[in-house]
C-alpha atoms as a PDB file:
ATOM      1  CA  MET A   1       0.604  -0.278   0.176  1.00  0.00           C
ATOM      2  CA  LEU A   2       0.845   3.528  -0.810  1.00  0.00           C
ATOM      3  CA  GLY A   3       2.630   5.597   1.706  1.00  0.00           C
ATOM      4  CA  GLN A   4       2.882   2.707   4.708  1.00  0.00           C
ATOM      5  CA  ILE A   5       6.192   1.272   6.088  1.00  0.00           C
ATOM      6  CA  TYR A   6       5.099  -1.865   7.563  1.00  0.00           C
ATOM      7  CA  SER A   7       8.429  -2.225   9.851  1.00  0.00           C
ATOM      8  CA  PRO A   8      10.069  -1.439  12.773  1.00  0.00           C
ATOM      9  CA  PHE A   9      11.111   2.711  13.511  1.00  0.00           C
ATOM     10  CA  GLY A  10      14.913   1.076  13.211  1.00  0.00           C
ATOM     11  CA  GLY A  11      14.397  -0.879   9.947  1.00  0.00           C
ATOM     12  CA  VAL A  12      13.168   1.948   8.253  1.00  0.00           C
ATOM     13  CA  SER A  13      15.866   2.638   5.205  1.00  0.00           C
ATOM     14  CA  ARG A  14      16.107   6.473   4.557  1.00  0.00           C
ATOM     15  CA  ALA A  15      14.576   5.775   0.814  1.00  0.00           C
ATOM     16  CA  GLU A  16      11.678   4.233   2.689  1.00  0.00           C
ATOM     17  CA  TRP A  17      10.744   7.049   4.992  1.00  0.00           C
ATOM     18  CA  GLN A  18      11.537   9.363   1.826  1.00  0.00           C
ATOM     19  CA  ARG A  19       8.903   7.567  -0.406  1.00  0.00           C
ATOM     20  CA  LEU A  20       6.355   7.422   2.838  1.00  0.00           C
ATOM     21  CA  LEU A  21       7.087  12.116   2.952  1.00  0.00           C
ATOM     22  CA  ASP A  22       6.882  12.123  -1.119  1.00  0.00           C
ATOM     23  CA  VAL A  23       3.554  10.613  -0.706  1.00  0.00           C
ATOM     24  CA  ASN A  24       1.639  11.711   2.213  1.00  0.00           C
ATOM     25  CA  LEU A  25       3.467  15.134   2.267  1.00  0.00           C
ATOM     26  CA  THR A  26       5.346  16.647  -0.573  1.00  0.00           C
ATOM     27  CA  SER A  27       1.916  15.246  -3.120  1.00  0.00           C
ATOM     28  CA  ALA A  28      -0.435  18.151  -1.600  1.00  0.00           C
ATOM     29  CA  PHE A  29       2.623  20.663  -1.316  1.00  0.00           C
ATOM     30  CA  LEU A  30       3.055  20.218  -4.908  1.00  0.00           C
ATOM     31  CA  LEU A  31      -0.979  19.830  -5.312  1.00  0.00           C
ATOM     32  CA  ALA A  32      -1.926  22.638  -3.275  1.00  0.00           C
ATOM     33  CA  LYS A  33       0.991  25.065  -5.563  1.00  0.00           C
ATOM     34  CA  ALA A  34       0.111  23.998  -8.885  1.00  0.00           C
ATOM     35  CA  VAL A  35      -4.206  24.638  -8.206  1.00  0.00           C
ATOM     36  CA  ARG A  36      -2.893  27.997  -6.751  1.00  0.00           C
ATOM     37  CA  GLU A  37      -3.654  30.518  -9.247  1.00  0.00           C
ATOM     38  CA  PRO A  38      -6.278  29.068 -11.023  1.00  0.00           C
ATOM     39  CA  LEU A  39      -7.844  28.999  -8.084  1.00  0.00           C
ATOM     40  CA  ARG A  40      -6.851  32.614  -6.558  1.00  0.00           C
ATOM     41  CA  VAL A  41      -8.687  33.195 -10.337  1.00  0.00           C
ATOM     42  CA  ALA A  42     -11.577  31.849 -10.027  1.00  0.00           C
ATOM     43  CA  GLN A  43     -11.974  32.532  -5.913  1.00  0.00           C
ATOM     44  CA  GLY A  44     -12.303  28.811  -5.798  1.00  0.00           C
ATOM     45  CA  SER A  45     -10.541  26.949  -2.701  1.00  0.00           C
ATOM     46  CA  LEU A  46      -8.631  24.150  -1.850  1.00  0.00           C
ATOM     47  CA  THR A  47      -9.163  21.828   1.068  1.00  0.00           C
ATOM     48  CA  LEU A  48      -6.998  18.773   2.318  1.00  0.00           C
ATOM     49  CA  ILE A  49      -7.835  16.385   4.395  1.00  0.00           C
ATOM     50  CA  SER A  50      -6.563  13.357   6.352  1.00  0.00           C
ATOM     51  CA  SER A  51      -7.397  11.204   9.118  1.00  0.00           C
ATOM     52  CA  THR A  52      -7.955  10.961  12.316  1.00  0.00           C
ATOM     53  CA  ASN A  53      -5.621   7.665  11.861  1.00  0.00           C
ATOM     54  CA  GLY A  54      -2.781   9.982  12.464  1.00  0.00           C
ATOM     55  CA  LEU A  55      -3.140  11.134  15.744  1.00  0.00           C
ATOM     56  CA  HIS A  56      -4.829   7.873  16.899  1.00  0.00           C
ATOM     57  CA  GLY A  57      -3.795   4.743  15.155  1.00  0.00           C
ATOM     58  CA  GLY A  58      -6.480   2.751  14.074  1.00  0.00           C
ATOM     59  CA  SER A  59      -4.909  -0.098  11.682  1.00  0.00           C
ATOM     60  CA  ALA A  60      -2.687  -3.386  12.811  1.00  0.00           C
ATOM     61  CA  ALA A  61       0.075  -1.498  11.932  1.00  0.00           C
ATOM     62  CA  SER A  62      -0.294   1.167  14.442  1.00  0.00           C
ATOM     63  CA  GLY A  63      -1.604  -1.120  17.231  1.00  0.00           C
ATOM     64  CA  PRO A  64      -4.606  -0.038  19.807  1.00  0.00           C
END
């Protein structure tokens, strides 16, 4: 699954960590930059959403 690492912290490689950041953070940043001007002209807005699992866990990988 994209953007998830199923390894103990010590077993995560730099490349895995970078991939996680690219999928979850950099992609949102690049999207916001790409649509900034067209949305400004159209007086539109962009809403980025996420899951509360980032705060509270909720999958087998994150534990109880």
